[in-house]
Amino acid sequence: MEKMGSQLDEFKLFLLENHVQENEIPSFLEAIKGFIQFLDEKNETIISFSYGKLIDYADKLASNDEKTAKYLIRALWRYFPFIKKNHYIEEVIDIAESASAMSNLYNRLAEWHGEAVRDEIFKDIVIPPLGAHPEKKPLVTKLVMKRIEEKLGEESTKDLLRPCLHGGQEVGTDKEKLQELKDLDKFLMIKRQNFINEVERHIENKTAMFAQMVDNDVLDYVKTIPTMGAGVRDENKIIITKIPYQIKKFLNADTTHMKRYYWCYCPWVRGAIKDETEGEISRNFCYCSGGYFKLYWDEMFDQPITVEPLETTLWGDMTCKFAIEIPKKIMKEYIREE
C-alpha cells in the first residue's frame, strides 16, 4: 500500500504537468483509491485484475454516485498508461465508448421534432449514465428505436441517425493532403498504406492500437481486406470496412455470433449480439455508425454527403461495411480516369 501511495503521488505530479485542472485532481485520486479498495476486497490489485472487475465496479458506482463514476473513468484513462498497463484501457473504452449517444439522441429528438415527441418516445426510460454496465444499454436501444420508427417512420428515423450520435473521425491534415494531390484514389491508397504502417509500428514497438495489442495475425488479416483502414473507390462511392473493435478476440472467437460481437463498436448494440437478441433492435440504428464516416467526408468534401450501410454485424453479417457517396464536383475534380 505504501508503494501504491507513492505511485499516486507521482501520478498527481503527472496530472499537474499535463495541465489537468488542479481542483479536479483530488477527485481523480479519490476515485482511483475507491477502485483500489474494491479490488483489494476481491484479492486483486490495480496492476493485475481480471476482466470485468472494472465494469462491475463502475456500474455499481454509477448507480449511487454518477459524479464519482465520471471521475473514475477520466482518471483511469490517464492512470493506466501512466503505470504502463495500457491493455486495461480496453475495459475503460467498453464503459465509456459512445456513452453520450442516447443522451444526444434524446436532445436531437427535441431539437428536430419537439419536446412533446421526445418525451413520448422516452417516457419511463432511464438512460444508463456513464459508468453503467455496457450490456444494459441494448435494452434501451430496442425500445427507443421501436418507438421512434412507430412515431416518425423509417426514413425520418434514418435521417435522425445519419449525422452520428457521438462524433466522427478527425480530418486533421487530410483535407490539405487531398487538395494537394488532387487525386482521390491516390489519397485513399496513401491512407491505406499509412494504416498498414501504423499496425506494423505497434507490433514492432509492442504498443496498443485502439487499446489492444496487435500481432502478425492482425496484420495479415488487415491486409486481406482492401477496404479496411481508408476505403476503396468503386465508381462514385467509397467502400469502407471498419476494423473490428476487438480484433484479436474476433480472430480467436469460436462462434459466428461472438465474432460479430467482437467486431461491433457500438455498446448500444453489442450486448444484444452477445446474447443473440439483436433481431429486436432496428437495423436502422447502424445509420449512426455510418455517420462516423459522414462527418469526416462532409468536411473533406465541403458539403453534406450520404453514407449507406452495406453490411453490419447487427444485421447478421461478419463485417461492418459502408458506401460513402462521392459528390459530382469531387468526381470531376479529384478522379483521374485512366
C-alpha atoms as a PDB file:
ATOM      1  CA  MET A   1       0.000   0.000   0.000  1.00  0.00           C
ATOM      2  CA  GLU A   2       2.963   2.318   0.693  1.00  0.00           C
ATOM      3  CA  LYS A   3       4.198   1.762  -2.856  1.00  0.00           C
ATOM      4  CA  MET A   4       0.710   2.454  -4.201  1.00  0.00           C
ATOM      5  CA  GLY A   5       0.573   5.726  -2.235  1.00  0.00           C
ATOM      6  CA  SER A   6       3.912   6.769  -3.707  1.00  0.00           C
ATOM      7  CA  GLN A   7       2.645   5.887  -7.178  1.00  0.00           C
ATOM      8  CA  LEU A   8      -0.453   8.035  -6.684  1.00  0.00           C
ATOM      9  CA  ASP A   9       1.759  10.920  -5.526  1.00  0.00           C
ATOM     10  CA  GLU A  10       3.745  10.565  -8.747  1.00  0.00           C
ATOM     11  CA  PHE A  11       0.502  10.386 -10.720  1.00  0.00           C
ATOM     12  CA  LYS A  12      -0.628  13.639  -9.090  1.00  0.00           C
ATOM     13  CA  LEU A  13       2.518  15.342 -10.365  1.00  0.00           C
ATOM     14  CA  PHE A  14       1.903  13.790 -13.786  1.00  0.00           C
ATOM     15  CA  LEU A  15      -1.602  15.270 -13.866  1.00  0.00           C
ATOM     16  CA  LEU A  16      -0.301  18.702 -12.903  1.00  0.00           C
ATOM     17  CA  GLU A  17       2.362  18.556 -15.598  1.00  0.00           C
ATOM     18  CA  ASN A  18      -0.292  17.594 -18.141  1.00  0.00           C
ATOM     19  CA  HIS A  19      -2.486  20.567 -17.262  1.00  0.00           C
ATOM     20  CA  VAL A  20      -5.354  18.734 -15.591  1.00  0.00           C
ATOM     21  CA  GLN A  21      -7.308  21.290 -13.574  1.00  0.00           C
ATOM     22  CA  GLU A  22      -5.842  21.295 -10.092  1.00  0.00           C
ATOM     23  CA  ASN A  23      -9.238  21.399  -8.399  1.00  0.00           C
ATOM     24  CA  GLU A  24     -10.200  18.116 -10.123  1.00  0.00           C
ATOM     25  CA  ILE A  25      -7.103  16.148  -9.148  1.00  0.00           C
ATOM     26  CA  PRO A  26      -8.261  15.227  -5.594  1.00  0.00           C
ATOM     27  CA  SER A  27     -11.458  13.749  -7.101  1.00  0.00           C
ATOM     28  CA  PHE A  28      -9.380  11.759  -9.625  1.00  0.00           C
ATOM     29  CA  LEU A  29      -7.197  10.337  -6.852  1.00  0.00           C
ATOM     30  CA  GLU A  30     -10.129   9.526  -4.556  1.00  0.00           C
ATOM     31  CA  ALA A  31     -11.907   7.720  -7.395  1.00  0.00           C
ATOM     32  CA  ILE A  32      -8.834   5.572  -8.065  1.00  0.00           C
ATOM     33  CA  LYS A  33      -8.411   4.840  -4.347  1.00  0.00           C
ATOM     34  CA  GLY A  34     -12.008   3.623  -4.218  1.00  0.00           C
ATOM     35  CA  PHE A  35     -11.340   1.201  -7.072  1.00  0.00           C
ATOM     36  CA  ILE A  36      -8.106   0.025  -5.439  1.00  0.00           C
ATOM     37  CA  GLN A  37     -10.007  -0.704  -2.204  1.00  0.00           C
ATOM     38  CA  PHE A  38     -12.678  -2.594  -4.148  1.00  0.00           C
ATOM     39  CA  LEU A  39     -10.006  -4.738  -5.830  1.00  0.00           C
ATOM     40  CA  ASP A  40      -8.272  -5.350  -2.505  1.00  0.00           C
ATOM     41  CA  GLU A  41     -11.514  -6.799  -1.137  1.00  0.00           C
ATOM     42  CA  LYS A  42     -11.539  -9.148  -4.155  1.00  0.00           C
ATOM     43  CA  ASN A  43      -7.895 -10.130  -3.522  1.00  0.00           C
ATOM     44  CA  GLU A  44      -6.797  -8.373  -6.703  1.00  0.00           C
ATOM     45  CA  THR A  45      -4.724  -5.257  -7.422  1.00  0.00           C
ATOM     46  CA  ILE A  46      -4.906  -2.381  -9.869  1.00  0.00           C
ATOM     47  CA  ILE A  47      -1.853  -3.693 -11.712  1.00  0.00           C
ATOM     48  CA  SER A  48      -3.315  -7.186 -12.035  1.00  0.00           C
ATOM     49  CA  PHE A  49      -7.082  -7.639 -12.023  1.00  0.00           C
ATOM     50  CA  SER A  50      -9.396  -9.875 -14.008  1.00  0.00           C
ATOM     51  CA  TYR A  51     -11.537  -8.623 -16.874  1.00  0.00           C
ATOM     52  CA  GLY A  52     -14.972  -7.467 -15.758  1.00  0.00           C
ATOM     53  CA  LYS A  53     -13.965  -6.149 -12.344  1.00  0.00           C
ATOM     54  CA  LEU A  54     -13.777  -2.542 -13.521  1.00  0.00           C
ATOM     55  CA  ILE A  55     -17.075  -2.824 -15.390  1.00  0.00           C
ATOM     56  CA  ASP A  56     -18.814  -4.249 -12.307  1.00  0.00           C
ATOM     57  CA  TYR A  57     -17.355  -1.584 -10.019  1.00  0.00           C
ATOM     58  CA  ALA A  58     -18.160   1.311 -12.355  1.00  0.00           C
ATOM     59  CA  ASP A  59     -21.723   0.027 -12.786  1.00  0.00           C
ATOM     60  CA  LYS A  60     -22.336  -0.035  -9.026  1.00  0.00           C
ATOM     61  CA  LEU A  61     -20.696   3.363  -8.651  1.00  0.00           C
ATOM     62  CA  ALA A  62     -22.791   4.917 -11.433  1.00  0.00           C
ATOM     63  CA  SER A  63     -25.974   3.720  -9.725  1.00  0.00           C
ATOM     64  CA  ASN A  64     -25.094   5.513  -6.489  1.00  0.00           C
ATOM     65  CA  ASP A  65     -22.616   8.257  -7.324  1.00  0.00           C
ATOM     66  CA  GLU A  66     -22.638   9.190 -11.010  1.00  0.00           C
ATOM     67  CA  LYS A  67     -20.263  12.102 -10.484  1.00  0.00           C
ATOM     68  CA  THR A  68     -17.558   9.884  -8.962  1.00  0.00           C
ATOM     69  CA  ALA A  69     -18.088   7.327 -11.731  1.00  0.00           C
ATOM     70  CA  LYS A  70     -17.260  10.037 -14.265  1.00  0.00           C
ATOM     71  CA  TYR A  71     -14.130  10.997 -12.346  1.00  0.00           C
ATOM     72  CA  LEU A  72     -13.092   7.336 -12.207  1.00  0.00           C
ATOM     73  CA  ILE A  73     -13.341   6.860 -15.973  1.00  0.00           C
ATOM     74  CA  ARG A  74     -11.486  10.090 -16.696  1.00  0.00           C
ATOM     75  CA  ALA A  75      -8.806   9.266 -14.118  1.00  0.00           C
ATOM     76  CA  LEU A  76      -8.188   5.688 -15.256  1.00  0.00           C
ATOM     77  CA  TRP A  77      -7.925   6.834 -18.877  1.00  0.00           C
ATOM     78  CA  ARG A  78      -4.758   8.632 -17.784  1.00  0.00           C
ATOM     79  CA  TYR A  79      -3.675   6.319 -14.968  1.00  0.00           C
ATOM     80  CA  PHE A  80      -3.370   3.030 -16.866  1.00  0.00           C
ATOM     81  CA  PRO A  81      -0.938   4.418 -19.463  1.00  0.00           C
ATOM     82  CA  PHE A  82       0.942   6.128 -16.612  1.00  0.00           C
ATOM     83  CA  ILE A  83       1.536   2.760 -14.902  1.00  0.00           C
ATOM     84  CA  LYS A  84       2.157   1.118 -18.310  1.00  0.00           C
ATOM     85  CA  LYS A  85      -0.964  -1.059 -18.166  1.00  0.00           C
ATOM     86  CA  ASN A  86      -2.429   0.086 -21.478  1.00  0.00           C
ATOM     87  CA  HIS A  87      -4.382  -3.145 -22.000  1.00  0.00           C
ATOM     88  CA  TYR A  88      -6.800  -2.115 -19.230  1.00  0.00           C
ATOM     89  CA  ILE A  89      -7.861   0.854 -21.373  1.00  0.00           C
ATOM     90  CA  GLU A  90      -9.904  -1.675 -23.348  1.00  0.00           C
ATOM     91  CA  GLU A  91     -12.214  -2.093 -20.366  1.00  0.00           C
ATOM     92  CA  VAL A  92     -12.403   1.677 -19.866  1.00  0.00           C
ATOM     93  CA  ILE A  93     -13.463   2.010 -23.508  1.00  0.00           C
ATOM     94  CA  ASP A  94     -16.092  -0.719 -23.023  1.00  0.00           C
ATOM     95  CA  ILE A  95     -17.651   1.551 -20.398  1.00  0.00           C
ATOM     96  CA  ALA A  96     -17.069   4.947 -21.994  1.00  0.00           C
ATOM     97  CA  GLU A  97     -17.415   4.335 -25.752  1.00  0.00           C
ATOM     98  CA  SER A  98     -20.384   6.286 -27.155  1.00  0.00           C
ATOM     99  CA  ALA A  99     -21.682   6.770 -23.607  1.00  0.00           C
ATOM    100  CA  SER A 100     -23.398  10.026 -24.575  1.00  0.00           C
ATOM    101  CA  ALA A 101     -25.057   8.652 -27.736  1.00  0.00           C
ATOM    102  CA  MET A 102     -28.506   8.052 -26.244  1.00  0.00           C
ATOM    103  CA  SER A 103     -28.500  11.403 -24.440  1.00  0.00           C
ATOM    104  CA  ASN A 104     -27.558  13.044 -27.735  1.00  0.00           C
ATOM    105  CA  LEU A 105     -30.452  11.241 -29.420  1.00  0.00           C
ATOM    106  CA  TYR A 106     -32.737  12.477 -26.646  1.00  0.00           C
ATOM    107  CA  ASN A 107     -31.619  16.063 -27.297  1.00  0.00           C
ATOM    108  CA  ARG A 108     -31.751  15.739 -31.089  1.00  0.00           C
ATOM    109  CA  LEU A 109     -35.304  14.463 -30.983  1.00  0.00           C
ATOM    110  CA  ALA A 110     -36.375  17.573 -29.084  1.00  0.00           C
ATOM    111  CA  GLU A 111     -34.441  19.851 -31.433  1.00  0.00           C
ATOM    112  CA  TRP A 112     -35.742  18.256 -34.644  1.00  0.00           C
ATOM    113  CA  HIS A 113     -39.227  17.093 -33.659  1.00  0.00           C
ATOM    114  CA  GLY A 114     -40.142  18.944 -30.478  1.00  0.00           C
ATOM    115  CA  GLU A 115     -40.065  18.174 -26.775  1.00  0.00           C
ATOM    116  CA  ALA A 116     -43.508  16.554 -26.783  1.00  0.00           C
ATOM    117  CA  VAL A 117     -42.375  13.916 -29.292  1.00  0.00           C
ATOM    118  CA  ARG A 118     -39.126  13.442 -27.387  1.00  0.00           C
ATOM    119  CA  ASP A 119     -40.957  12.965 -24.085  1.00  0.00           C
ATOM    120  CA  GLU A 120     -43.386  10.490 -25.622  1.00  0.00           C
ATOM    121  CA  ILE A 121     -40.579   8.360 -27.035  1.00  0.00           C
ATOM    122  CA  PHE A 122     -38.521   8.401 -23.837  1.00  0.00           C
ATOM    123  CA  LYS A 123     -41.435   8.012 -21.429  1.00  0.00           C
ATOM    124  CA  ASP A 124     -40.461   5.804 -18.441  1.00  0.00           C
ATOM    125  CA  ILE A 125     -36.992   5.217 -19.938  1.00  0.00           C
ATOM    126  CA  VAL A 126     -33.906   5.857 -17.829  1.00  0.00           C
ATOM    127  CA  ILE A 127     -30.810   6.430 -19.969  1.00  0.00           C
ATOM    128  CA  PRO A 128     -27.857   4.494 -18.493  1.00  0.00           C
ATOM    129  CA  PRO A 129     -25.281   7.010 -17.199  1.00  0.00           C
ATOM    130  CA  LEU A 130     -21.546   6.987 -17.872  1.00  0.00           C
ATOM    131  CA  GLY A 131     -20.176   4.059 -15.899  1.00  0.00           C
ATOM    132  CA  ALA A 132     -23.213   1.837 -16.340  1.00  0.00           C
ATOM    133  CA  HIS A 133     -22.637  -1.752 -17.435  1.00  0.00           C
ATOM    134  CA  PRO A 134     -22.485  -1.699 -21.260  1.00  0.00           C
ATOM    135  CA  GLU A 135     -24.806  -4.691 -21.563  1.00  0.00           C
ATOM    136  CA  LYS A 136     -27.653  -2.668 -20.016  1.00  0.00           C
ATOM    137  CA  LYS A 137     -27.661  -0.338 -22.998  1.00  0.00           C
ATOM    138  CA  PRO A 138     -29.218  -2.519 -25.746  1.00  0.00           C
ATOM    139  CA  LEU A 139     -32.408  -2.819 -23.692  1.00  0.00           C
ATOM    140  CA  VAL A 140     -32.864   0.937 -24.072  1.00  0.00           C
ATOM    141  CA  THR A 141     -31.950   0.871 -27.782  1.00  0.00           C
ATOM    142  CA  LYS A 142     -34.581  -1.783 -28.521  1.00  0.00           C
ATOM    143  CA  LEU A 143     -37.411   0.243 -27.009  1.00  0.00           C
ATOM    144  CA  VAL A 144     -36.324   3.699 -28.165  1.00  0.00           C
ATOM    145  CA  MET A 145     -35.830   2.616 -31.783  1.00  0.00           C
ATOM    146  CA  LYS A 146     -39.198   0.851 -31.838  1.00  0.00           C
ATOM    147  CA  ARG A 147     -40.940   3.977 -30.562  1.00  0.00           C
ATOM    148  CA  ILE A 148     -39.095   6.319 -32.933  1.00  0.00           C
ATOM    149  CA  GLU A 149     -39.974   4.274 -36.008  1.00  0.00           C
ATOM    150  CA  GLU A 150     -43.599   3.955 -34.926  1.00  0.00           C
ATOM    151  CA  LYS A 151     -43.809   7.723 -34.344  1.00  0.00           C
ATOM    152  CA  LEU A 152     -41.674   9.139 -37.162  1.00  0.00           C
ATOM    153  CA  GLY A 153     -41.446   6.410 -39.790  1.00  0.00           C
ATOM    154  CA  GLU A 154     -38.397   4.655 -41.176  1.00  0.00           C
ATOM    155  CA  GLU A 155     -36.953   7.415 -43.386  1.00  0.00           C
ATOM    156  CA  SER A 156     -37.178  10.090 -40.680  1.00  0.00           C
ATOM    157  CA  THR A 157     -35.527   7.644 -38.284  1.00  0.00           C
ATOM    158  CA  LYS A 158     -32.612   7.163 -40.687  1.00  0.00           C
ATOM    159  CA  ASP A 159     -32.273  10.919 -41.133  1.00  0.00           C
ATOM    160  CA  LEU A 160     -32.218  11.373 -37.352  1.00  0.00           C
ATOM    161  CA  LEU A 161     -29.294   8.965 -37.033  1.00  0.00           C
ATOM    162  CA  ARG A 162     -27.251   9.822 -40.141  1.00  0.00           C
ATOM    163  CA  PRO A 163     -25.186  12.630 -38.517  1.00  0.00           C
ATOM    164  CA  CYS A 164     -23.901  10.112 -35.886  1.00  0.00           C
ATOM    165  CA  LEU A 165     -24.680  10.431 -32.211  1.00  0.00           C
ATOM    166  CA  HIS A 166     -21.168  10.530 -30.786  1.00  0.00           C
ATOM    167  CA  GLY A 167     -18.777  12.303 -33.169  1.00  0.00           C
ATOM    168  CA  GLY A 168     -16.671  11.303 -36.131  1.00  0.00           C
ATOM    169  CA  GLN A 169     -13.181  10.714 -37.389  1.00  0.00           C
ATOM    170  CA  GLU A 170     -10.905  13.750 -37.179  1.00  0.00           C
ATOM    171  CA  VAL A 171      -9.872  15.289 -40.504  1.00  0.00           C
ATOM    172  CA  GLY A 172      -6.536  16.657 -39.297  1.00  0.00           C
ATOM    173  CA  THR A 173      -4.311  17.448 -42.299  1.00  0.00           C
ATOM    174  CA  ASP A 174      -6.150  15.051 -44.623  1.00  0.00           C
ATOM    175  CA  LYS A 175      -8.113  17.775 -46.388  1.00  0.00           C
ATOM    176  CA  GLU A 176      -4.960  19.685 -47.300  1.00  0.00           C
ATOM    177  CA  LYS A 177      -3.353  16.428 -48.475  1.00  0.00           C
ATOM    178  CA  LEU A 178      -6.284  15.618 -50.776  1.00  0.00           C
ATOM    179  CA  GLN A 179      -6.263  19.137 -52.206  1.00  0.00           C
ATOM    180  CA  GLU A 180      -2.526  18.883 -52.795  1.00  0.00           C
ATOM    181  CA  LEU A 181      -2.787  15.502 -54.565  1.00  0.00           C
ATOM    182  CA  LYS A 182      -5.971  16.334 -56.491  1.00  0.00           C
ATOM    183  CA  ASP A 183      -6.409  12.578 -56.813  1.00  0.00           C
ATOM    184  CA  LEU A 184      -8.905  10.784 -54.558  1.00  0.00           C
ATOM    185  CA  ASP A 185      -7.735   7.281 -55.480  1.00  0.00           C
ATOM    186  CA  LYS A 186      -4.123   8.124 -54.671  1.00  0.00           C
ATOM    187  CA  PHE A 187      -5.202   9.761 -51.421  1.00  0.00           C
ATOM    188  CA  LEU A 188      -7.069   6.594 -50.374  1.00  0.00           C
ATOM    189  CA  MET A 189      -4.061   4.425 -51.305  1.00  0.00           C
ATOM    190  CA  ILE A 190      -1.772   6.569 -49.137  1.00  0.00           C
ATOM    191  CA  LYS A 191      -4.206   6.434 -46.205  1.00  0.00           C
ATOM    192  CA  ARG A 192      -4.447   2.665 -46.584  1.00  0.00           C
ATOM    193  CA  GLN A 193      -0.656   2.296 -46.531  1.00  0.00           C
ATOM    194  CA  ASN A 194      -0.400   4.612 -43.517  1.00  0.00           C
ATOM    195  CA  PHE A 195      -2.916   2.372 -41.759  1.00  0.00           C
ATOM    196  CA  ILE A 196      -0.833  -0.744 -42.527  1.00  0.00           C
ATOM    197  CA  ASN A 197       2.286   1.083 -41.352  1.00  0.00           C
ATOM    198  CA  GLU A 198       0.543   2.002 -38.110  1.00  0.00           C
ATOM    199  CA  VAL A 199      -0.271  -1.645 -37.381  1.00  0.00           C
ATOM    200  CA  GLU A 200       3.338  -2.602 -38.119  1.00  0.00           C
ATOM    201  CA  ARG A 201       4.683   0.115 -35.795  1.00  0.00           C
ATOM    202  CA  HIS A 202       2.509  -1.090 -32.933  1.00  0.00           C
ATOM    203  CA  ILE A 203       3.713  -4.659 -33.467  1.00  0.00           C
ATOM    204  CA  GLU A 204       7.351  -3.558 -33.550  1.00  0.00           C
ATOM    205  CA  ASN A 205       7.028  -1.267 -30.519  1.00  0.00           C
ATOM    206  CA  LYS A 206       4.774  -3.660 -28.583  1.00  0.00           C
ATOM    207  CA  THR A 207       2.266  -0.876 -28.010  1.00  0.00           C
ATOM    208  CA  ALA A 208      -1.524  -0.906 -28.028  1.00  0.00           C
ATOM    209  CA  MET A 209      -3.567   0.037 -31.088  1.00  0.00           C
ATOM    210  CA  PHE A 210      -7.163   1.024 -30.334  1.00  0.00           C
ATOM    211  CA  ALA A 211      -6.372  -0.074 -26.744  1.00  0.00           C
ATOM    212  CA  GLN A 212      -5.465  -3.600 -27.841  1.00  0.00           C
ATOM    213  CA  MET A 213      -2.238  -5.382 -28.586  1.00  0.00           C
ATOM    214  CA  VAL A 214      -1.783  -6.396 -32.205  1.00  0.00           C
ATOM    215  CA  ASP A 215       0.425  -9.011 -33.815  1.00  0.00           C
ATOM    216  CA  ASN A 216       1.247 -10.520 -37.203  1.00  0.00           C
ATOM    217  CA  ASP A 217      -2.086 -12.359 -37.293  1.00  0.00           C
ATOM    218  CA  VAL A 218      -3.819  -8.986 -37.081  1.00  0.00           C
ATOM    219  CA  LEU A 219      -1.534  -7.550 -39.758  1.00  0.00           C
ATOM    220  CA  ASP A 220      -2.190 -10.488 -42.085  1.00  0.00           C
ATOM    221  CA  TYR A 221      -5.940 -10.158 -41.587  1.00  0.00           C
ATOM    222  CA  VAL A 222      -5.965  -6.404 -42.190  1.00  0.00           C
ATOM    223  CA  LYS A 223      -4.007  -6.908 -45.397  1.00  0.00           C
ATOM    224  CA  THR A 224      -6.666  -9.312 -46.715  1.00  0.00           C
ATOM    225  CA  ILE A 225      -9.385  -6.603 -46.526  1.00  0.00           C
ATOM    226  CA  PRO A 226      -8.515  -3.900 -49.117  1.00  0.00           C
ATOM    227  CA  THR A 227     -11.383  -1.657 -47.972  1.00  0.00           C
ATOM    228  CA  MET A 228     -10.211  -1.593 -44.346  1.00  0.00           C
ATOM    229  CA  GLY A 229      -8.497   1.493 -42.992  1.00  0.00           C
ATOM    230  CA  ALA A 230      -9.331   4.054 -45.692  1.00  0.00           C
ATOM    231  CA  GLY A 231     -11.701   2.582 -48.230  1.00  0.00           C
ATOM    232  CA  VAL A 232     -11.555   1.890 -51.959  1.00  0.00           C
ATOM    233  CA  ARG A 233     -13.387   3.861 -54.627  1.00  0.00           C
ATOM    234  CA  ASP A 234     -15.990   1.972 -56.649  1.00  0.00           C
ATOM    235  CA  GLU A 235     -17.256   4.364 -59.329  1.00  0.00           C
ATOM    236  CA  ASN A 236     -18.939   7.225 -57.405  1.00  0.00           C
ATOM    237  CA  LYS A 237     -18.733   5.555 -53.974  1.00  0.00           C
ATOM    238  CA  ILE A 238     -16.010   4.895 -51.414  1.00  0.00           C
ATOM    239  CA  ILE A 239     -16.467   1.432 -49.927  1.00  0.00           C
ATOM    240  CA  ILE A 240     -15.006   1.211 -46.441  1.00  0.00           C
ATOM    241  CA  THR A 241     -14.872  -1.599 -43.889  1.00  0.00           C
ATOM    242  CA  LYS A 242     -14.345  -0.945 -40.196  1.00  0.00           C
ATOM    243  CA  ILE A 243     -11.521  -2.689 -38.383  1.00  0.00           C
ATOM    244  CA  PRO A 244     -13.008  -4.995 -35.711  1.00  0.00           C
ATOM    245  CA  TYR A 245     -13.427  -3.362 -32.314  1.00  0.00           C
ATOM    246  CA  GLN A 246     -11.554  -6.158 -30.510  1.00  0.00           C
ATOM    247  CA  ILE A 247      -9.660  -7.677 -33.393  1.00  0.00           C
ATOM    248  CA  LYS A 248      -7.643 -10.339 -31.553  1.00  0.00           C
ATOM    249  CA  LYS A 249     -10.732 -11.632 -29.790  1.00  0.00           C
ATOM    250  CA  PHE A 250     -12.564 -11.529 -33.128  1.00  0.00           C
ATOM    251  CA  LEU A 251      -9.888 -13.647 -34.786  1.00  0.00           C
ATOM    252  CA  ASN A 252      -9.847 -16.159 -31.921  1.00  0.00           C
ATOM    253  CA  ALA A 253     -13.614 -16.455 -31.349  1.00  0.00           C
ATOM    254  CA  ASP A 254     -15.129 -19.900 -31.939  1.00  0.00           C
ATOM    255  CA  THR A 255     -18.682 -18.906 -32.886  1.00  0.00           C
ATOM    256  CA  THR A 256     -20.043 -16.564 -35.537  1.00  0.00           C
ATOM    257  CA  HIS A 257     -22.171 -14.562 -33.113  1.00  0.00           C
ATOM    258  CA  MET A 258     -19.188 -13.935 -30.840  1.00  0.00           C
ATOM    259  CA  LYS A 259     -17.113 -12.912 -33.842  1.00  0.00           C
ATOM    260  CA  ARG A 260     -19.841 -10.391 -34.677  1.00  0.00           C
ATOM    261  CA  TYR A 261     -19.907  -9.277 -31.035  1.00  0.00           C
ATOM    262  CA  TYR A 262     -16.159  -8.581 -31.031  1.00  0.00           C
ATOM    263  CA  TRP A 263     -16.385  -6.742 -34.347  1.00  0.00           C
ATOM    264  CA  CYS A 264     -19.126  -4.317 -33.272  1.00  0.00           C
ATOM    265  CA  TYR A 265     -18.093  -0.982 -31.736  1.00  0.00           C
ATOM    266  CA  CYS A 266     -21.482   0.152 -30.511  1.00  0.00           C
ATOM    267  CA  PRO A 267     -22.252  -0.500 -26.818  1.00  0.00           C
ATOM    268  CA  TRP A 268     -25.918   0.267 -27.536  1.00  0.00           C
ATOM    269  CA  VAL A 269     -25.963  -2.887 -29.711  1.00  0.00           C
ATOM    270  CA  ARG A 270     -23.079  -5.204 -28.753  1.00  0.00           C
ATOM    271  CA  GLY A 271     -24.694  -6.849 -25.735  1.00  0.00           C
ATOM    272  CA  ALA A 272     -27.673  -7.886 -27.855  1.00  0.00           C
ATOM    273  CA  ILE A 273     -25.353  -9.576 -30.359  1.00  0.00           C
ATOM    274  CA  LYS A 274     -23.694 -11.406 -27.483  1.00  0.00           C
ATOM    275  CA  ASP A 275     -26.985 -12.791 -26.153  1.00  0.00           C
ATOM    276  CA  GLU A 276     -28.341 -13.256 -29.702  1.00  0.00           C
ATOM    277  CA  THR A 277     -31.287 -10.865 -29.309  1.00  0.00           C
ATOM    278  CA  GLU A 278     -30.009  -8.379 -31.905  1.00  0.00           C
ATOM    279  CA  GLY A 279     -33.069  -9.082 -34.049  1.00  0.00           C
ATOM    280  CA  GLU A 280     -35.037  -6.994 -31.523  1.00  0.00           C
ATOM    281  CA  ILE A 281     -33.020  -3.860 -32.440  1.00  0.00           C
ATOM    282  CA  SER A 282     -33.958  -1.984 -35.606  1.00  0.00           C
ATOM    283  CA  ARG A 283     -31.314  -2.437 -38.286  1.00  0.00           C
ATOM    284  CA  ASN A 284     -31.608   1.303 -38.959  1.00  0.00           C
ATOM    285  CA  PHE A 285     -29.584   2.032 -35.832  1.00  0.00           C
ATOM    286  CA  CYS A 286     -26.473   1.349 -37.944  1.00  0.00           C
ATOM    287  CA  TYR A 287     -27.012   4.642 -39.784  1.00  0.00           C
ATOM    288  CA  CYS A 288     -25.435   6.160 -36.685  1.00  0.00           C
ATOM    289  CA  SER A 289     -22.250   4.154 -37.363  1.00  0.00           C
ATOM    290  CA  GLY A 290     -22.288   5.355 -40.950  1.00  0.00           C
ATOM    291  CA  GLY A 291     -22.438   8.868 -39.555  1.00  0.00           C
ATOM    292  CA  TYR A 292     -18.946   8.396 -38.114  1.00  0.00           C
ATOM    293  CA  PHE A 293     -17.679   8.417 -41.699  1.00  0.00           C
ATOM    294  CA  LYS A 294     -20.216  11.006 -42.867  1.00  0.00           C
ATOM    295  CA  LEU A 295     -18.921  13.708 -40.510  1.00  0.00           C
ATOM    296  CA  TYR A 296     -15.377  13.157 -41.803  1.00  0.00           C
ATOM    297  CA  TRP A 297     -16.265  13.202 -45.508  1.00  0.00           C
ATOM    298  CA  ASP A 298     -18.728  16.093 -45.114  1.00  0.00           C
ATOM    299  CA  GLU A 299     -15.737  18.176 -44.051  1.00  0.00           C
ATOM    300  CA  MET A 300     -13.357  16.647 -46.588  1.00  0.00           C
ATOM    301  CA  PHE A 301     -15.739  17.387 -49.483  1.00  0.00           C
ATOM    302  CA  ASP A 302     -17.076  20.705 -48.102  1.00  0.00           C
ATOM    303  CA  GLN A 303     -20.664  19.527 -48.434  1.00  0.00           C
ATOM    304  CA  PRO A 304     -23.053  17.051 -46.796  1.00  0.00           C
ATOM    305  CA  ILE A 305     -22.840  13.558 -48.288  1.00  0.00           C
ATOM    306  CA  THR A 306     -24.783  10.322 -47.866  1.00  0.00           C
ATOM    307  CA  VAL A 307     -23.429   7.171 -46.231  1.00  0.00           C
ATOM    308  CA  GLU A 308     -25.314   3.896 -46.556  1.00  0.00           C
ATOM    309  CA  PRO A 309     -24.642   0.720 -44.540  1.00  0.00           C
ATOM    310  CA  LEU A 310     -23.958  -2.265 -46.812  1.00  0.00           C
ATOM    311  CA  GLU A 311     -23.209  -4.937 -44.219  1.00  0.00           C
ATOM    312  CA  THR A 312     -23.254  -4.779 -40.410  1.00  0.00           C
ATOM    313  CA  THR A 313     -22.865  -7.230 -37.588  1.00  0.00           C
ATOM    314  CA  LEU A 314     -26.229  -6.082 -36.214  1.00  0.00           C
ATOM    315  CA  TRP A 315     -27.772  -7.315 -39.476  1.00  0.00           C
ATOM    316  CA  GLY A 316     -26.086 -10.711 -39.106  1.00  0.00           C
ATOM    317  CA  ASP A 317     -23.095 -10.017 -41.366  1.00  0.00           C
ATOM    318  CA  MET A 318     -19.489 -10.743 -40.441  1.00  0.00           C
ATOM    319  CA  THR A 319     -18.313  -7.213 -41.252  1.00  0.00           C
ATOM    320  CA  CYS A 320     -19.409  -3.584 -40.945  1.00  0.00           C
ATOM    321  CA  LYS A 321     -19.126  -2.075 -44.424  1.00  0.00           C
ATOM    322  CA  PHE A 322     -20.387   1.278 -45.699  1.00  0.00           C
ATOM    323  CA  ALA A 323     -20.781   3.101 -49.020  1.00  0.00           C
ATOM    324  CA  ILE A 324     -19.790   6.779 -48.989  1.00  0.00           C
ATOM    325  CA  GLU A 325     -21.241   8.993 -51.714  1.00  0.00           C
ATOM    326  CA  ILE A 326     -18.727  10.987 -53.794  1.00  0.00           C
ATOM    327  CA  PRO A 327     -20.291  14.275 -54.982  1.00  0.00           C
ATOM    328  CA  LYS A 328     -20.258  15.088 -58.711  1.00  0.00           C
ATOM    329  CA  LYS A 329     -17.946  18.046 -58.180  1.00  0.00           C
ATOM    330  CA  ILE A 330     -15.387  15.829 -56.428  1.00  0.00           C
ATOM    331  CA  MET A 331     -15.687  13.185 -59.153  1.00  0.00           C
ATOM    332  CA  LYS A 332     -14.907  15.884 -61.729  1.00  0.00           C
ATOM    333  CA  GLU A 333     -12.007  17.489 -59.858  1.00  0.00           C
ATOM    334  CA  TYR A 334     -10.359  14.588 -57.985  1.00  0.00           C
ATOM    335  CA  ILE A 335     -10.805  11.489 -60.137  1.00  0.00           C
ATOM    336  CA  ARG A 336      -8.183  10.818 -62.782  1.00  0.00           C
ATOM    337  CA  GLU A 337      -9.543   8.498 -65.419  1.00  0.00           C
ATOM    338  CA  GLU A 338      -7.084   6.017 -66.916  1.00  0.00           C
END
